[in-house]
Amino acid sequence: TRFTYLNLAVLDAEPITSATQFILRLTFENGQVLSDTTE
């Protein structure tokens, strides 16, 4: 985090929902899963 590259997934489509949260889930070759949810 001392570096200032911003790693972004930029939304490119209009949603029909007015409020939501987004989840990013990664699954690794050894079965490990990393997941987090936005506010």
Full PDB file with SEQRES, HELIX, SHEET, SSBOND, CRYST1, ORIGX, SCALE, CONECT and MASTER records, all heavy atoms in Angstrom:
SEQRES   1 A   39  THR ARG PHE THR TYR LEU ASN LEU ALA VAL LEU ASP ALA          
SEQRES   2 A   39  GLU PRO ILE THR SER ALA THR GLN PHE ILE LEU ARG LEU          
SEQRES   3 A   39  THR PHE GLU ASN GLY GLN VAL LEU SER ASP THR THR GLU          
SHEET    1 AA1 2 ILE A  23  THR A  27  0                                        
SHEET    2 AA1 2 VAL A  33  THR A  37 -1                                        
CRYST1    1.000    1.000    1.000  90.00  90.00  90.00 P 1           1          
ORIGX1      1.000000  0.000000  0.000000        0.00000                         
ORIGX2      0.000000  1.000000  0.000000        0.00000                         
ORIGX3      0.000000  0.000000  1.000000        0.00000                         
SCALE1      1.000000  0.000000  0.000000        0.00000                         
SCALE2      0.000000  1.000000  0.000000        0.00000                         
SCALE3      0.000000  0.000000  1.000000        0.00000                         
ATOM      1  N   THR A   1       0.804  -1.219   0.000  1.00  0.00           N  
ATOM      2  CA  THR A   1       0.000   0.000   0.000  1.00  0.00           C  
ATOM      3  C   THR A   1       0.842   1.275   0.000  1.00  0.00           C  
ATOM      4  O   THR A   1       0.297   2.368  -0.139  1.00  0.00           O  
ATOM      5  CB  THR A   1      -0.954   0.023   1.207  1.00  0.00           C  
ATOM      6  OG1 THR A   1      -0.186  -0.157   2.407  1.00  0.00           O  
ATOM      7  CG2 THR A   1      -1.981  -1.089   1.111  1.00  0.00           C  
ATOM      8  N   ARG A   2       2.145   1.163   0.129  1.00  0.00           N  
ATOM      9  CA  ARG A   2       2.983   2.353   0.001  1.00  0.00           C  
ATOM     10  C   ARG A   2       3.036   2.814  -1.447  1.00  0.00           C  
ATOM     11  O   ARG A   2       3.365   3.949  -1.733  1.00  0.00           O  
ATOM     12  CB  ARG A   2       4.399   2.060   0.501  1.00  0.00           C  
ATOM     13  CG  ARG A   2       4.497   1.842   2.007  1.00  0.00           C  
ATOM     14  CD  ARG A   2       5.889   1.404   2.394  1.00  0.00           C  
ATOM     15  NE  ARG A   2       6.242   0.143   1.766  1.00  0.00           N  
ATOM     16  CZ  ARG A   2       7.445  -0.424   1.859  1.00  0.00           C  
ATOM     17  NH1 ARG A   2       8.393   0.179   2.551  1.00  0.00           N  
ATOM     18  NH2 ARG A   2       7.688  -1.569   1.271  1.00  0.00           N  
ATOM     19  N   PHE A   3       2.723   1.904  -2.371  1.00  0.00           N  
ATOM     20  CA  PHE A   3       2.671   2.272  -3.783  1.00  0.00           C  
ATOM     21  C   PHE A   3       1.259   2.753  -4.105  1.00  0.00           C  
ATOM     22  O   PHE A   3       0.306   2.416  -3.418  1.00  0.00           O  
ATOM     23  CB  PHE A   3       3.045   1.078  -4.669  1.00  0.00           C  
ATOM     24  CG  PHE A   3       4.493   0.702  -4.568  1.00  0.00           C  
ATOM     25  CD1 PHE A   3       4.948  -0.063  -3.508  1.00  0.00           C  
ATOM     26  CD2 PHE A   3       5.400   1.120  -5.522  1.00  0.00           C  
ATOM     27  CE1 PHE A   3       6.287  -0.414  -3.401  1.00  0.00           C  
ATOM     28  CE2 PHE A   3       6.744   0.780  -5.421  1.00  0.00           C  
ATOM     29  CZ  PHE A   3       7.186   0.011  -4.364  1.00  0.00           C  
ATOM     30  N   THR A   4       1.124   3.541  -5.157  1.00  0.00           N  
ATOM     31  CA  THR A   4      -0.150   4.192  -5.401  1.00  0.00           C  
ATOM     32  C   THR A   4      -0.795   3.728  -6.708  1.00  0.00           C  
ATOM     33  O   THR A   4      -1.498   4.476  -7.364  1.00  0.00           O  
ATOM     34  CB  THR A   4       0.013   5.719  -5.415  1.00  0.00           C  
ATOM     35  OG1 THR A   4       1.090   6.080  -6.288  1.00  0.00           O  
ATOM     36  CG2 THR A   4       0.293   6.228  -4.023  1.00  0.00           C  
ATOM     37  N   TYR A   5      -0.517   2.495  -7.118  1.00  0.00           N  
ATOM     38  CA  TYR A   5      -1.303   1.903  -8.182  1.00  0.00           C  
ATOM     39  C   TYR A   5      -2.668   1.536  -7.601  1.00  0.00           C  
ATOM     40  O   TYR A   5      -2.764   0.939  -6.531  1.00  0.00           O  
ATOM     41  CB  TYR A   5      -0.640   0.634  -8.719  1.00  0.00           C  
ATOM     42  CG  TYR A   5       0.578   0.888  -9.578  1.00  0.00           C  
ATOM     43  CD1 TYR A   5       1.852   0.839  -9.037  1.00  0.00           C  
ATOM     44  CD2 TYR A   5       0.436   1.174 -10.926  1.00  0.00           C  
ATOM     45  CE1 TYR A   5       2.969   1.066  -9.828  1.00  0.00           C  
ATOM     46  CE2 TYR A   5       1.544   1.401 -11.725  1.00  0.00           C  
ATOM     47  CZ  TYR A   5       2.804   1.346 -11.176  1.00  0.00           C  
ATOM     48  OH  TYR A   5       3.901   1.574 -11.962  1.00  0.00           O  
ATOM     49  N   LEU A   6      -3.722   1.920  -8.306  1.00  0.00           N  
ATOM     50  CA  LEU A   6      -5.073   1.567  -7.888  1.00  0.00           C  
ATOM     51  C   LEU A   6      -5.562   0.425  -8.777  1.00  0.00           C  
ATOM     52  O   LEU A   6      -5.619   0.554  -9.998  1.00  0.00           O  
ATOM     53  CB  LEU A   6      -6.002   2.786  -8.032  1.00  0.00           C  
ATOM     54  CG  LEU A   6      -5.598   4.038  -7.262  1.00  0.00           C  
ATOM     55  CD1 LEU A   6      -6.541   5.186  -7.582  1.00  0.00           C  
ATOM     56  CD2 LEU A   6      -5.581   3.771  -5.765  1.00  0.00           C  
ATOM     57  N   ASN A   7      -5.903  -0.686  -8.162  1.00  0.00           N  
ATOM     58  CA  ASN A   7      -6.366  -1.854  -8.891  1.00  0.00           C  
ATOM     59  C   ASN A   7      -7.886  -1.865  -8.845  1.00  0.00           C  
ATOM     60  O   ASN A   7      -8.490  -2.105  -7.804  1.00  0.00           O  
ATOM     61  CB  ASN A   7      -5.787  -3.123  -8.267  1.00  0.00           C  
ATOM     62  CG  ASN A   7      -4.271  -3.029  -8.170  1.00  0.00           C  
ATOM     63  OD1 ASN A   7      -3.611  -2.758  -9.164  1.00  0.00           O  
ATOM     64  ND2 ASN A   7      -3.728  -3.220  -6.982  1.00  0.00           N  
ATOM     65  N   LEU A   8      -8.508  -1.580  -9.993  1.00  0.00           N  
ATOM     66  CA  LEU A   8      -9.935  -1.301 -10.032  1.00  0.00           C  
ATOM     67  C   LEU A   8     -10.659  -2.197 -11.025  1.00  0.00           C  
ATOM     68  O   LEU A   8     -10.165  -2.469 -12.125  1.00  0.00           O  
ATOM     69  CB  LEU A   8     -10.181   0.158 -10.446  1.00  0.00           C  
ATOM     70  CG  LEU A   8      -9.455   1.253  -9.664  1.00  0.00           C  
ATOM     71  CD1 LEU A   8      -9.739   2.609 -10.301  1.00  0.00           C  
ATOM     72  CD2 LEU A   8      -9.882   1.247  -8.201  1.00  0.00           C  
ATOM     73  N   ALA A   9     -11.873  -2.635 -10.633  1.00  0.00           N  
ATOM     74  CA  ALA A   9     -12.830  -3.251 -11.555  1.00  0.00           C  
ATOM     75  C   ALA A   9     -13.913  -2.205 -11.787  1.00  0.00           C  
ATOM     76  O   ALA A   9     -14.686  -1.880 -10.887  1.00  0.00           O  
ATOM     77  CB  ALA A   9     -13.415  -4.526 -10.958  1.00  0.00           C  
ATOM     78  N   VAL A  10     -13.946  -1.628 -12.979  1.00  0.00           N  
ATOM     79  CA  VAL A  10     -14.800  -0.481 -13.274  1.00  0.00           C  
ATOM     80  C   VAL A  10     -16.097  -0.954 -13.923  1.00  0.00           C  
ATOM     81  O   VAL A  10     -16.080  -1.662 -14.932  1.00  0.00           O  
ATOM     82  CB  VAL A  10     -14.071   0.516 -14.198  1.00  0.00           C  
ATOM     83  CG1 VAL A  10     -14.974   1.707 -14.520  1.00  0.00           C  
ATOM     84  CG2 VAL A  10     -12.770   0.989 -13.544  1.00  0.00           C  
ATOM     85  N   LEU A  11     -17.211  -0.551 -13.334  1.00  0.00           N  
ATOM     86  CA  LEU A  11     -18.527  -0.965 -13.829  1.00  0.00           C  
ATOM     87  C   LEU A  11     -18.794  -0.329 -15.191  1.00  0.00           C  
ATOM     88  O   LEU A  11     -18.581   0.866 -15.385  1.00  0.00           O  
ATOM     89  CB  LEU A  11     -19.605  -0.555 -12.825  1.00  0.00           C  
ATOM     90  CG  LEU A  11     -21.038  -1.020 -13.122  1.00  0.00           C  
ATOM     91  CD1 LEU A  11     -21.116  -2.537 -13.207  1.00  0.00           C  
ATOM     92  CD2 LEU A  11     -21.977  -0.490 -12.045  1.00  0.00           C  
ATOM     93  N   ASP A  12     -19.310  -1.151 -16.116  1.00  0.00           N  
ATOM     94  CA  ASP A  12     -19.510  -0.696 -17.487  1.00  0.00           C  
ATOM     95  C   ASP A  12     -20.946  -0.917 -17.951  1.00  0.00           C  
ATOM     96  O   ASP A  12     -21.215  -0.946 -19.155  1.00  0.00           O  
ATOM     97  CB  ASP A  12     -18.530  -1.438 -18.416  1.00  0.00           C  
ATOM     98  CG  ASP A  12     -18.385  -0.759 -19.762  1.00  0.00           C  
ATOM     99  OD1 ASP A  12     -18.474   0.477 -19.813  1.00  0.00           O  
ATOM    100  OD2 ASP A  12     -18.192  -1.471 -20.768  1.00  0.00           O  
ATOM    101  N   ALA A  13     -21.883  -1.087 -17.016  1.00  0.00           N  
ATOM    102  CA  ALA A  13     -23.282  -1.334 -17.373  1.00  0.00           C  
ATOM    103  C   ALA A  13     -24.186  -0.763 -16.299  1.00  0.00           C  
ATOM    104  O   ALA A  13     -23.832  -0.726 -15.118  1.00  0.00           O  
ATOM    105  CB  ALA A  13     -23.535  -2.835 -17.540  1.00  0.00           C  
ATOM    106  N   GLU A  14     -25.362  -0.329 -16.699  1.00  0.00           N  
ATOM    107  CA  GLU A  14     -26.295   0.286 -15.766  1.00  0.00           C  
ATOM    108  C   GLU A  14     -27.155  -0.771 -15.089  1.00  0.00           C  
ATOM    109  O   GLU A  14     -27.759  -1.604 -15.758  1.00  0.00           O  
ATOM    110  CB  GLU A  14     -27.186   1.283 -16.498  1.00  0.00           C  
ATOM    111  CG  GLU A  14     -28.119   2.052 -15.589  1.00  0.00           C  
ATOM    112  CD  GLU A  14     -28.867   3.154 -16.296  1.00  0.00           C  
ATOM    113  OE1 GLU A  14     -28.733   3.265 -17.540  1.00  0.00           O  
ATOM    114  OE2 GLU A  14     -29.588   3.913 -15.612  1.00  0.00           O  
ATOM    115  N   PRO A  15     -27.232  -0.753 -13.762  1.00  0.00           N  
ATOM    116  CA  PRO A  15     -28.042  -1.752 -13.053  1.00  0.00           C  
ATOM    117  C   PRO A  15     -29.508  -1.326 -12.978  1.00  0.00           C  
ATOM    118  O   PRO A  15     -29.834  -0.137 -13.088  1.00  0.00           O  
ATOM    119  CB  PRO A  15     -27.418  -1.765 -11.657  1.00  0.00           C  
ATOM    120  CG  PRO A  15     -26.910  -0.356 -11.484  1.00  0.00           C  
ATOM    121  CD  PRO A  15     -26.483   0.109 -12.843  1.00  0.00           C  
ATOM    122  N   ILE A  16     -30.392  -2.324 -12.783  1.00  0.00           N  
ATOM    123  CA  ILE A  16     -31.800  -2.000 -12.543  1.00  0.00           C  
ATOM    124  C   ILE A  16     -32.047  -1.805 -11.050  1.00  0.00           C  
ATOM    125  O   ILE A  16     -33.022  -1.174 -10.662  1.00  0.00           O  
ATOM    126  CB  ILE A  16     -32.734  -3.095 -13.090  1.00  0.00           C  
ATOM    127  CG1 ILE A  16     -32.431  -4.449 -12.424  1.00  0.00           C  
ATOM    128  CG2 ILE A  16     -32.614  -3.204 -14.596  1.00  0.00           C  
ATOM    129  CD1 ILE A  16     -33.440  -5.532 -12.749  1.00  0.00           C  
ATOM    130  N   THR A  17     -31.146  -2.341 -10.244  1.00  0.00           N  
ATOM    131  CA  THR A  17     -31.300  -2.221  -8.792  1.00  0.00           C  
ATOM    132  C   THR A  17     -30.821  -0.852  -8.329  1.00  0.00           C  
ATOM    133  O   THR A  17     -29.922  -0.258  -8.929  1.00  0.00           O  
ATOM    134  CB  THR A  17     -30.507  -3.318  -8.064  1.00  0.00           C  
ATOM    135  OG1 THR A  17     -30.732  -3.210  -6.670  1.00  0.00           O  
ATOM    136  CG2 THR A  17     -29.004  -3.202  -8.347  1.00  0.00           C  
ATOM    137  N   SER A  18     -31.451  -0.344  -7.282  1.00  0.00           N  
ATOM    138  CA  SER A  18     -31.032   0.960  -6.760  1.00  0.00           C  
ATOM    139  C   SER A  18     -29.980   0.820  -5.664  1.00  0.00           C  
ATOM    140  O   SER A  18     -29.175   1.727  -5.455  1.00  0.00           O  
ATOM    141  CB  SER A  18     -32.235   1.725  -6.216  1.00  0.00           C  
ATOM    142  OG  SER A  18     -32.860   0.992  -5.174  1.00  0.00           O  
ATOM    143  N   ALA A  19     -29.969  -0.316  -4.985  1.00  0.00           N  
ATOM    144  CA  ALA A  19     -29.005  -0.515  -3.895  1.00  0.00           C  
ATOM    145  C   ALA A  19     -28.547  -1.964  -3.896  1.00  0.00           C  
ATOM    146  O   ALA A  19     -29.355  -2.886  -4.038  1.00  0.00           O  
ATOM    147  CB  ALA A  19     -29.634  -0.164  -2.551  1.00  0.00           C  
ATOM    148  N   THR A  20     -27.250  -2.157  -3.740  1.00  0.00           N  
ATOM    149  CA  THR A  20     -26.723  -3.514  -3.715  1.00  0.00           C  
ATOM    150  C   THR A  20     -25.348  -3.522  -3.078  1.00  0.00           C  
ATOM    151  O   THR A  20     -24.774  -2.474  -2.763  1.00  0.00           O  
ATOM    152  CB  THR A  20     -26.641  -4.107  -5.137  1.00  0.00           C  
ATOM    153  OG1 THR A  20     -26.440  -5.518  -5.071  1.00  0.00           O  
ATOM    154  CG2 THR A  20     -25.513  -3.476  -5.942  1.00  0.00           C  
ATOM    155  N   GLN A  21     -24.834  -4.704  -2.866  1.00  0.00           N  
ATOM    156  CA  GLN A  21     -23.445  -4.923  -2.468  1.00  0.00           C  
ATOM    157  C   GLN A  21     -22.820  -5.857  -3.486  1.00  0.00           C  
ATOM    158  O   GLN A  21     -23.505  -6.697  -4.090  1.00  0.00           O  
ATOM    159  CB  GLN A  21     -23.356  -5.550  -1.075  1.00  0.00           C  
ATOM    160  CG  GLN A  21     -23.856  -4.659   0.047  1.00  0.00           C  
ATOM    161  CD  GLN A  21     -23.930  -5.409   1.360  1.00  0.00           C  
ATOM    162  OE1 GLN A  21     -24.950  -6.029   1.666  1.00  0.00           O  
ATOM    163  NE2 GLN A  21     -22.860  -5.363   2.142  1.00  0.00           N  
ATOM    164  N   PHE A  22     -21.515  -5.719  -3.673  1.00  0.00           N  
ATOM    165  CA  PHE A  22     -20.796  -6.592  -4.599  1.00  0.00           C  
ATOM    166  C   PHE A  22     -19.881  -7.531  -3.823  1.00  0.00           C  
ATOM    167  O   PHE A  22     -19.332  -7.177  -2.781  1.00  0.00           O  
ATOM    168  CB  PHE A  22     -19.984  -5.772  -5.603  1.00  0.00           C  
ATOM    169  CG  PHE A  22     -20.831  -5.032  -6.596  1.00  0.00           C  
ATOM    170  CD1 PHE A  22     -21.075  -3.673  -6.432  1.00  0.00           C  
ATOM    171  CD2 PHE A  22     -21.396  -5.687  -7.673  1.00  0.00           C  
ATOM    172  CE1 PHE A  22     -21.859  -2.974  -7.336  1.00  0.00           C  
ATOM    173  CE2 PHE A  22     -22.187  -5.004  -8.587  1.00  0.00           C  
ATOM    174  CZ  PHE A  22     -22.422  -3.645  -8.425  1.00  0.00           C  
ATOM    175  N   ILE A  23     -19.735  -8.729  -4.360  1.00  0.00           N  
ATOM    176  CA  ILE A  23     -18.896  -9.772  -3.767  1.00  0.00           C  
ATOM    177  C   ILE A  23     -17.853 -10.182  -4.797  1.00  0.00           C  
ATOM    178  O   ILE A  23     -18.173 -10.394  -5.973  1.00  0.00           O  
ATOM    179  CB  ILE A  23     -19.732 -11.005  -3.378  1.00  0.00           C  
ATOM    180  CG1 ILE A  23     -20.839 -10.620  -2.388  1.00  0.00           C  
ATOM    181  CG2 ILE A  23     -18.841 -12.114  -2.801  1.00  0.00           C  
ATOM    182  CD1 ILE A  23     -21.906 -11.690  -2.239  1.00  0.00           C  
ATOM    183  N   LEU A  24     -16.602 -10.269  -4.370  1.00  0.00           N  
ATOM    184  CA  LEU A  24     -15.541 -10.836  -5.211  1.00  0.00           C  
ATOM    185  C   LEU A  24     -15.052 -12.105  -4.535  1.00  0.00           C  
ATOM    186  O   LEU A  24     -14.684 -12.081  -3.365  1.00  0.00           O  
ATOM    187  CB  LEU A  24     -14.389  -9.848  -5.385  1.00  0.00           C  
ATOM    188  CG  LEU A  24     -13.176 -10.360  -6.182  1.00  0.00           C  
ATOM    189  CD1 LEU A  24     -13.575 -10.820  -7.571  1.00  0.00           C  
ATOM    190  CD2 LEU A  24     -12.097  -9.271  -6.268  1.00  0.00           C  
ATOM    191  N   ARG A  25     -15.076 -13.209  -5.284  1.00  0.00           N  
ATOM    192  CA  ARG A  25     -14.682 -14.499  -4.722  1.00  0.00           C  
ATOM    193  C   ARG A  25     -13.616 -15.134  -5.604  1.00  0.00           C  
ATOM    194  O   ARG A  25     -13.794 -15.288  -6.813  1.00  0.00           O  
ATOM    195  CB  ARG A  25     -15.881 -15.429  -4.612  1.00  0.00           C  
ATOM    196  CG  ARG A  25     -15.576 -16.785  -3.951  1.00  0.00           C  
ATOM    197  CD  ARG A  25     -16.853 -17.622  -3.820  1.00  0.00           C  
ATOM    198  NE  ARG A  25     -17.854 -16.916  -3.043  1.00  0.00           N  
ATOM    199  CZ  ARG A  25     -19.138 -16.822  -3.395  1.00  0.00           C  
ATOM    200  NH1 ARG A  25     -19.563 -17.371  -4.509  1.00  0.00           N  
ATOM    201  NH2 ARG A  25     -19.997 -16.164  -2.620  1.00  0.00           N  
ATOM    202  N   LEU A  26     -12.476 -15.487  -4.997  1.00  0.00           N  
ATOM    203  CA  LEU A  26     -11.379 -16.160  -5.686  1.00  0.00           C  
ATOM    204  C   LEU A  26     -11.238 -17.573  -5.147  1.00  0.00           C  
ATOM    205  O   LEU A  26     -11.244 -17.782  -3.929  1.00  0.00           O  
ATOM    206  CB  LEU A  26     -10.060 -15.419  -5.478  1.00  0.00           C  
ATOM    207  CG  LEU A  26     -10.005 -13.924  -5.812  1.00  0.00           C  
ATOM    208  CD1 LEU A  26      -8.601 -13.393  -5.537  1.00  0.00           C  
ATOM    209  CD2 LEU A  26     -10.413 -13.658  -7.240  1.00  0.00           C  
ATOM    210  N   THR A  27     -11.097 -18.548  -6.042  1.00  0.00           N  
ATOM    211  CA  THR A  27     -10.840 -19.933  -5.656  1.00  0.00           C  
ATOM    212  C   THR A  27      -9.488 -20.357  -6.226  1.00  0.00           C  
ATOM    213  O   THR A  27      -9.227 -20.154  -7.422  1.00  0.00           O  
ATOM    214  CB  THR A  27     -11.938 -20.875  -6.184  1.00  0.00           C  
ATOM    215  OG1 THR A  27     -13.209 -20.421  -5.712  1.00  0.00           O  
ATOM    216  CG2 THR A  27     -11.696 -22.301  -5.700  1.00  0.00           C  
ATOM    217  N   PHE A  28      -8.636 -20.939  -5.384  1.00  0.00           N  
ATOM    218  CA  PHE A  28      -7.272 -21.277  -5.767  1.00  0.00           C  
ATOM    219  C   PHE A  28      -7.138 -22.768  -6.033  1.00  0.00           C  
ATOM    220  O   PHE A  28      -7.985 -23.578  -5.659  1.00  0.00           O  
ATOM    221  CB  PHE A  28      -6.298 -20.845  -4.669  1.00  0.00           C  
ATOM    222  CG  PHE A  28      -6.262 -19.369  -4.436  1.00  0.00           C  
ATOM    223  CD1 PHE A  28      -7.251 -18.732  -3.692  1.00  0.00           C  
ATOM    224  CD2 PHE A  28      -5.247 -18.596  -4.969  1.00  0.00           C  
ATOM    225  CE1 PHE A  28      -7.221 -17.371  -3.481  1.00  0.00           C  
ATOM    226  CE2 PHE A  28      -5.203 -17.222  -4.759  1.00  0.00           C  
ATOM    227  CZ  PHE A  28      -6.197 -16.614  -4.024  1.00  0.00           C  
ATOM    228  N   GLU A  29      -6.014 -23.136  -6.665  1.00  0.00           N  
ATOM    229  CA  GLU A  29      -5.824 -24.515  -7.090  1.00  0.00           C  
ATOM    230  C   GLU A  29      -5.711 -25.487  -5.920  1.00  0.00           C  
ATOM    231  O   GLU A  29      -5.974 -26.678  -6.080  1.00  0.00           O  
ATOM    232  CB  GLU A  29      -4.593 -24.635  -7.995  1.00  0.00           C  
ATOM    233  CG  GLU A  29      -3.287 -24.177  -7.364  1.00  0.00           C  
ATOM    234  CD  GLU A  29      -2.144 -24.157  -8.365  1.00  0.00           C  
ATOM    235  OE1 GLU A  29      -2.391 -24.508  -9.546  1.00  0.00           O  
ATOM    236  OE2 GLU A  29      -1.015 -23.805  -7.985  1.00  0.00           O  
ATOM    237  N   ASN A  30      -5.353 -24.999  -4.726  1.00  0.00           N  
ATOM    238  CA  ASN A  30      -5.283 -25.903  -3.570  1.00  0.00           C  
ATOM    239  C   ASN A  30      -6.578 -25.914  -2.762  1.00  0.00           C  
ATOM    240  O   ASN A  30      -6.636 -26.493  -1.678  1.00  0.00           O  
ATOM    241  CB  ASN A  30      -4.110 -25.502  -2.653  1.00  0.00           C  
ATOM    242  CG  ASN A  30      -4.355 -24.182  -1.912  1.00  0.00           C  
ATOM    243  OD1 ASN A  30      -5.289 -23.448  -2.230  1.00  0.00           O  
ATOM    244  ND2 ASN A  30      -3.515 -23.890  -0.936  1.00  0.00           N  
ATOM    245  N   GLY A  31      -7.627 -25.256  -3.303  1.00  0.00           N  
ATOM    246  CA  GLY A  31      -8.918 -25.246  -2.621  1.00  0.00           C  
ATOM    247  C   GLY A  31      -9.157 -24.017  -1.760  1.00  0.00           C  
ATOM    248  O   GLY A  31     -10.273 -23.798  -1.275  1.00  0.00           O  
ATOM    249  N   GLN A  32      -8.124 -23.198  -1.545  1.00  0.00           N  
ATOM    250  CA  GLN A  32      -8.284 -21.973  -0.765  1.00  0.00           C  
ATOM    251  C   GLN A  32      -9.295 -21.050  -1.440  1.00  0.00           C  
ATOM    252  O   GLN A  32      -9.358 -20.956  -2.670  1.00  0.00           O  
ATOM    253  CB  GLN A  32      -6.943 -21.242  -0.637  1.00  0.00           C  
ATOM    254  CG  GLN A  32      -7.028 -19.880   0.058  1.00  0.00           C  
ATOM    255  CD  GLN A  32      -5.756 -19.067  -0.098  1.00  0.00           C  
ATOM    256  OE1 GLN A  32      -4.855 -19.439  -0.846  1.00  0.00           O  
ATOM    257  NE2 GLN A  32      -5.668 -17.948   0.591  1.00  0.00           N  
ATOM    258  N   VAL A  33     -10.096 -20.363  -0.635  1.00  0.00           N  
ATOM    259  CA  VAL A  33     -11.063 -19.395  -1.146  1.00  0.00           C  
ATOM    260  C   VAL A  33     -10.864 -18.070  -0.418  1.00  0.00           C  
ATOM    261  O   VAL A  33     -10.762 -18.035   0.809  1.00  0.00           O  
ATOM    262  CB  VAL A  33     -12.521 -19.878  -0.950  1.00  0.00           C  
ATOM    263  CG1 VAL A  33     -13.503 -18.783  -1.363  1.00  0.00           C  
ATOM    264  CG2 VAL A  33     -12.779 -21.154  -1.740  1.00  0.00           C  
ATOM    265  N   LEU A  34     -10.758 -16.988  -1.178  1.00  0.00           N  
ATOM    266  CA  LEU A  34     -10.768 -15.641  -0.621  1.00  0.00           C  
ATOM    267  C   LEU A  34     -12.017 -14.937  -1.119  1.00  0.00           C  
ATOM    268  O   LEU A  34     -12.330 -14.974  -2.313  1.00  0.00           O  
ATOM    269  CB  LEU A  34      -9.538 -14.844  -1.048  1.00  0.00           C  
ATOM    270  CG  LEU A  34      -8.186 -15.215  -0.440  1.00  0.00           C  
ATOM    271  CD1 LEU A  34      -7.094 -14.304  -0.996  1.00  0.00           C  
ATOM    272  CD2 LEU A  34      -8.212 -15.115   1.082  1.00  0.00           C  
ATOM    273  N   SER A  35     -12.742 -14.308  -0.212  1.00  0.00           N  
ATOM    274  CA  SER A  35     -13.973 -13.621  -0.591  1.00  0.00           C  
ATOM    275  C   SER A  35     -14.144 -12.381   0.274  1.00  0.00           C  
ATOM    276  O   SER A  35     -13.786 -12.384   1.447  1.00  0.00           O  
ATOM    277  CB  SER A  35     -15.177 -14.561  -0.417  1.00  0.00           C  
ATOM    278  OG  SER A  35     -16.384 -13.915  -0.792  1.00  0.00           O  
ATOM    279  N   ASP A  36     -14.668 -11.331  -0.329  1.00  0.00           N  
ATOM    280  CA  ASP A  36     -14.983 -10.137   0.431  1.00  0.00           C  
ATOM    281  C   ASP A  36     -16.185  -9.457  -0.208  1.00  0.00           C  
ATOM    282  O   ASP A  36     -16.480  -9.654  -1.398  1.00  0.00           O  
ATOM    283  CB  ASP A  36     -13.787  -9.176   0.480  1.00  0.00           C  
ATOM    284  CG  ASP A  36     -13.937  -8.108   1.569  1.00  0.00           C  
ATOM    285  OD1 ASP A  36     -14.593  -8.403   2.594  1.00  0.00           O  
ATOM    286  OD2 ASP A  36     -13.419  -6.997   1.401  1.00  0.00           O  
ATOM    287  N   THR A  37     -16.880  -8.639   0.589  1.00  0.00           N  
ATOM    288  CA  THR A  37     -18.109  -7.968   0.153  1.00  0.00           C  
ATOM    289  C   THR A  37     -17.984  -6.480   0.405  1.00  0.00           C  
ATOM    290  O   THR A  37     -17.499  -6.056   1.456  1.00  0.00           O  
ATOM    291  CB  THR A  37     -19.332  -8.518   0.928  1.00  0.00           C  
ATOM    292  OG1 THR A  37     -19.393  -9.943   0.766  1.00  0.00           O  
ATOM    293  CG2 THR A  37     -20.622  -7.906   0.431  1.00  0.00           C  
ATOM    294  N   THR A  38     -18.410  -5.681  -0.563  1.00  0.00           N  
ATOM    295  CA  THR A  38     -18.377  -4.244  -0.399  1.00  0.00           C  
ATOM    296  C   THR A  38     -19.481  -3.804   0.568  1.00  0.00           C  
ATOM    297  O   THR A  38     -20.402  -4.555   0.872  1.00  0.00           O  
ATOM    298  CB  THR A  38     -18.607  -3.516  -1.728  1.00  0.00           C  
ATOM    299  OG1 THR A  38     -19.956  -3.750  -2.174  1.00  0.00           O  
ATOM    300  CG2 THR A  38     -17.623  -3.971  -2.787  1.00  0.00           C  
ATOM    301  N   GLU A  39     -19.379  -2.570   1.023  1.00  0.00           N  
ATOM    302  CA  GLU A  39     -20.497  -1.951   1.704  1.00  0.00           C  
ATOM    303  C   GLU A  39     -21.616  -1.691   0.688  1.00  0.00           C  
ATOM    304  O   GLU A  39     -21.402  -1.773  -0.533  1.00  0.00           O  
ATOM    305  CB  GLU A  39     -20.050  -0.644   2.368  1.00  0.00           C  
ATOM    306  CG  GLU A  39     -19.003  -0.828   3.444  1.00  0.00           C  
ATOM    307  CD  GLU A  39     -18.535   0.485   4.035  1.00  0.00           C  
ATOM    308  OE1 GLU A  39     -18.623   1.524   3.331  1.00  0.00           O  
ATOM    309  OE2 GLU A  39     -18.078   0.487   5.196  1.00  0.00           O  
TER     310      GLU A  39                                                      
MASTER        0    0    0    0    2    0    0    6  309    1    0    3          
END                                                                             
